[in-house]
Amino acid sequence: MYLIKSPLLLKWYYPSLLWNKSRTEKVIYLTFDDGPIPNVTEFVLKTLKAFNAKATFFCIGDNIVKHPEIYAKVIKDSHAIGNHTFNHLKGWKTDDETYLQNTLKCQQLTQTNLFRPPYGRIKKSQIASLQSLVQSPKSDSKLNIVMWDVLSGDFDIKLSPEKCYQNVIKHTENGSIIVFHDSLKAFDRLEYALPRVLKYFTDKGFTFSTL
């Protein structure tokens, strides 16, 4: 079970994490987890470019190593990069030291101040360790742990592509951080929903920006 809209209680329990941006501006923050991979990430880049939209890609370190040319395309198109651990570890089931070292391994590749825990599962002790130890050499700033406001559900193979699209347009508002996945598992729903989401909100005067 998962919730499409992040509840206020969860935001209250994890106040140091980023759940959404300003509600006063018509800006949406699309994010893509689990890439980069061939075909799917390239489809996302092509679709974003068609709408002059920017996004943030939370990359798995192992996929960066396997597909450096696709990772380079994400950077070339001026999208933002986030750390998503090297091996897509679930924080709740991983000891703190292993989790930290795996994140640092990905950080060597991404050099970013953005991090999203895979599955959205992270212990408070892991949050404290990451925020105190991990810095971005580019900005000399501490790691900003990013969650989300709207979960598209594209990872759910039981979900129809249309329902995935409806999940996003029904729950998105000013400043929403939306999660999609540039993964093979999600591609059927992503391929249908992403261009429609971009068109729907572009027509309503929204812009799409990086975190």
Protein backbone atom coordinates (compact mmCIF):
# COMPACT_ATOMS: atom_id res chain seq x y z
CA MET A 1 0.00 0.00 0.00
CA TYR A 2 1.16 3.53 -0.74
CA LEU A 3 -0.30 7.02 -0.52
CA ILE A 4 -0.47 9.24 -3.58
CA LYS A 5 -0.45 12.47 -1.55
CA SER A 6 2.06 12.69 1.29
CA PRO A 7 0.12 13.20 4.55
CA LEU A 8 0.72 16.18 6.81
CA LEU A 9 1.50 13.85 9.72
CA LEU A 10 4.45 12.38 7.85
CA LYS A 11 5.73 15.84 6.99
CA TRP A 12 5.43 16.79 10.66
CA TYR A 13 7.34 13.68 11.78
CA TYR A 14 10.20 14.39 9.36
CA PRO A 15 10.39 18.21 9.42
CA SER A 16 14.01 18.39 8.19
CA LEU A 17 13.14 16.71 4.88
CA LEU A 18 11.94 18.55 1.78
CA TRP A 19 8.38 17.56 0.84
CA ASN A 20 7.30 20.46 -1.39
CA LYS A 21 8.38 23.91 -2.46
CA SER A 22 6.59 27.25 -2.32
CA ARG A 23 2.82 27.08 -2.69
CA THR A 24 2.65 30.67 -3.96
CA GLU A 25 4.20 30.11 -7.39
CA LYS A 26 2.92 28.06 -10.32
CA VAL A 27 6.01 25.88 -10.47
CA ILE A 28 6.07 22.06 -10.44
CA TYR A 29 9.10 19.92 -9.65
CA LEU A 30 9.19 16.67 -11.61
CA THR A 31 11.61 14.06 -10.28
CA PHE A 32 12.70 10.73 -11.76
CA ASP A 33 14.10 7.90 -9.66
CA ASP A 34 16.23 4.82 -10.40
CA GLY A 35 17.94 5.71 -13.70
CA PRO A 36 19.81 6.31 -15.81
CA ILE A 37 19.02 3.46 -18.18
CA PRO A 38 18.81 3.10 -21.98
CA ASN A 39 15.59 3.96 -23.80
CA VAL A 40 13.54 4.96 -20.75
CA THR A 41 15.74 7.82 -19.53
CA GLU A 42 16.22 8.89 -23.14
CA PHE A 43 12.45 8.95 -23.63
CA VAL A 44 12.11 11.16 -20.55
CA LEU A 45 14.78 13.57 -21.80
CA LYS A 46 13.15 13.84 -25.22
CA THR A 47 9.71 14.43 -23.70
CA LEU A 48 10.95 17.07 -21.28
CA LYS A 49 12.73 18.89 -24.08
CA ALA A 50 9.54 18.98 -26.15
CA PHE A 51 7.87 21.00 -23.39
CA ASN A 52 10.96 23.03 -22.44
CA ALA A 53 10.73 21.46 -18.98
CA LYS A 54 13.50 20.86 -16.46
CA ALA A 55 13.52 18.09 -13.86
CA THR A 56 15.62 16.40 -11.19
CA PHE A 57 16.99 12.88 -11.67
CA PHE A 58 17.74 10.83 -8.54
CA CYS A 59 20.26 8.40 -9.94
CA ILE A 60 21.44 5.02 -8.72
CA GLY A 61 25.23 4.94 -8.68
CA ASP A 62 25.42 1.48 -10.22
CA ASN A 63 23.35 2.67 -13.17
CA ILE A 64 25.62 5.68 -13.64
CA VAL A 65 28.59 3.34 -13.88
CA LYS A 66 26.77 1.06 -16.34
CA HIS A 67 25.39 3.87 -18.53
CA PRO A 68 27.73 6.88 -18.32
CA GLU A 69 26.73 8.16 -21.76
CA ILE A 70 23.08 8.46 -20.73
CA TYR A 71 24.05 10.11 -17.44
CA ALA A 72 26.05 12.62 -19.49
CA LYS A 73 22.94 13.39 -21.57
CA VAL A 74 20.96 14.24 -18.42
CA ILE A 75 23.64 16.70 -17.37
CA LYS A 76 24.01 18.13 -20.88
CA ASP A 77 20.29 18.94 -20.95
CA SER A 78 20.74 21.01 -17.74
CA HIS A 79 18.63 18.84 -15.46
CA ALA A 80 19.52 18.49 -11.78
CA ILE A 81 21.12 15.36 -10.34
CA GLY A 82 20.30 13.70 -7.04
CA ASN A 83 21.90 10.83 -5.12
CA HIS A 84 19.71 7.70 -4.78
CA THR A 85 22.38 5.43 -3.16
CA PHE A 86 24.68 3.18 -5.18
CA ASN A 87 22.56 0.01 -4.91
CA HIS A 88 19.02 1.27 -4.18
CA LEU A 89 19.16 0.34 -0.51
CA LYS A 90 16.12 0.38 1.75
CA GLY A 91 17.12 2.34 4.83
CA TRP A 92 14.79 0.58 7.22
CA LYS A 93 16.43 -2.78 6.45
CA THR A 94 20.05 -1.59 6.24
CA ASP A 95 22.45 -0.84 9.09
CA ASP A 96 23.49 2.79 9.32
CA GLU A 97 27.16 2.36 8.41
CA THR A 98 26.39 0.29 5.29
CA TYR A 99 23.75 2.81 4.25
CA LEU A 100 26.10 5.76 4.73
CA GLN A 101 28.98 4.15 2.83
CA ASN A 102 26.70 3.16 -0.04
CA THR A 103 25.40 6.71 -0.27
CA LEU A 104 28.93 8.11 -0.17
CA LYS A 105 29.91 5.78 -3.01
CA CYS A 106 27.12 7.26 -5.13
CA GLN A 107 28.05 10.75 -3.95
CA GLN A 108 31.50 10.37 -5.49
CA LEU A 109 29.76 10.09 -8.86
CA THR A 110 26.94 12.59 -8.46
CA GLN A 111 28.65 15.38 -6.49
CA THR A 112 25.24 16.75 -5.53
CA ASN A 113 23.54 18.29 -2.52
CA LEU A 114 20.28 16.40 -3.22
CA PHE A 115 19.47 12.94 -1.87
CA ARG A 116 16.34 10.81 -1.97
CA PRO A 117 16.11 7.59 0.05
CA PRO A 118 14.97 4.63 -2.08
CA TYR A 119 11.38 3.62 -1.27
CA GLY A 120 11.19 6.75 0.90
CA ARG A 121 12.41 4.53 3.76
CA ILE A 122 15.05 6.08 5.98
CA LYS A 123 15.79 6.02 9.72
CA LYS A 124 16.18 9.24 11.69
CA SER A 125 19.69 8.11 12.63
CA GLN A 126 20.55 7.80 8.93
CA ILE A 127 19.14 11.26 8.26
CA ALA A 128 21.34 12.72 10.98
CA SER A 129 24.46 10.97 9.68
CA LEU A 130 23.89 12.01 6.08
CA GLN A 131 23.12 15.63 6.89
CA SER A 132 26.19 15.96 9.10
CA LEU A 133 28.72 14.12 6.93
CA VAL A 134 27.74 14.44 3.29
CA GLN A 135 28.50 17.67 1.46
CA SER A 136 28.49 18.73 -2.16
CA PRO A 137 31.97 19.86 -3.24
CA LYS A 138 30.33 22.03 -5.90
CA SER A 139 28.35 24.13 -3.45
CA ASP A 140 29.95 23.28 -0.10
CA SER A 141 26.43 22.77 1.23
CA LYS A 142 25.01 19.97 3.32
CA LEU A 143 22.87 17.29 1.81
CA ASN A 144 19.23 18.20 1.27
CA ILE A 145 17.06 15.10 1.72
CA VAL A 146 14.15 15.24 -0.72
CA MET A 147 10.90 13.33 -0.35
CA TRP A 148 7.76 14.18 -2.36
CA ASP A 149 4.33 15.71 -2.38
CA VAL A 150 2.78 13.47 -5.07
CA LEU A 151 3.58 9.86 -5.92
CA SER A 152 2.49 8.97 -9.44
CA GLY A 153 2.35 5.23 -8.75
CA ASP A 154 4.06 4.45 -12.07
CA PHE A 155 6.03 1.66 -10.37
CA ASP A 156 2.77 -0.22 -9.67
CA ILE A 157 2.29 -2.81 -12.43
CA LYS A 158 -1.36 -3.23 -11.40
CA LEU A 159 -2.07 0.45 -12.04
CA SER A 160 -3.44 1.50 -15.41
CA PRO A 161 -1.57 4.23 -17.32
CA GLU A 162 -4.67 6.43 -17.16
CA LYS A 163 -4.91 6.05 -13.38
CA CYS A 164 -1.26 7.01 -13.08
CA TYR A 165 -1.98 10.17 -15.04
CA GLN A 166 -5.05 10.95 -12.93
CA ASN A 167 -3.06 10.46 -9.73
CA VAL A 168 -0.80 13.30 -10.75
CA ILE A 169 -3.27 15.82 -12.11
CA LYS A 170 -5.71 15.37 -9.20
CA HIS A 171 -3.15 15.87 -6.43
CA THR A 172 -0.61 18.31 -7.87
CA GLU A 173 -0.61 21.94 -6.80
CA ASN A 174 1.79 24.88 -6.69
CA GLY A 175 5.20 23.71 -5.52
CA SER A 176 4.47 19.99 -5.73
CA ILE A 177 7.40 17.59 -5.94
CA ILE A 178 6.23 14.68 -8.10
CA VAL A 179 7.84 11.24 -8.34
CA PHE A 180 8.12 9.29 -11.56
CA HIS A 181 10.58 6.47 -12.29
CA ASP A 182 12.79 6.16 -15.36
CA SER A 183 12.84 2.38 -15.04
CA LEU A 184 11.70 -0.53 -17.20
CA LYS A 185 9.13 -1.54 -14.60
CA ALA A 186 7.45 1.86 -14.75
CA PHE A 187 7.79 2.52 -18.46
CA ASP A 188 4.28 1.52 -19.62
CA ARG A 189 2.69 4.02 -17.23
CA LEU A 190 5.42 6.64 -17.56
CA GLU A 191 5.25 6.66 -21.35
CA TYR A 192 1.52 7.36 -21.21
CA ALA A 193 1.35 9.75 -18.26
CA LEU A 194 4.40 11.99 -18.59
CA PRO A 195 3.59 13.79 -21.87
CA ARG A 196 -0.02 14.22 -20.78
CA VAL A 197 1.02 15.66 -17.41
CA LEU A 198 3.38 18.07 -19.11
CA LYS A 199 0.72 19.23 -21.55
CA TYR A 200 -2.01 19.51 -18.91
CA PHE A 201 -0.03 21.76 -16.59
CA THR A 202 1.72 23.70 -19.35
CA ASP A 203 -1.71 24.62 -20.70
CA LYS A 204 -2.63 25.86 -17.22
CA GLY A 205 0.37 28.17 -17.10
CA PHE A 206 2.70 26.12 -14.91
CA THR A 207 6.45 25.82 -15.44
CA PHE A 208 8.65 22.84 -14.58
CA SER A 209 11.87 23.49 -12.71
CA THR A 210 14.78 21.68 -11.06
CA LEU A 211 15.11 21.41 -7.31
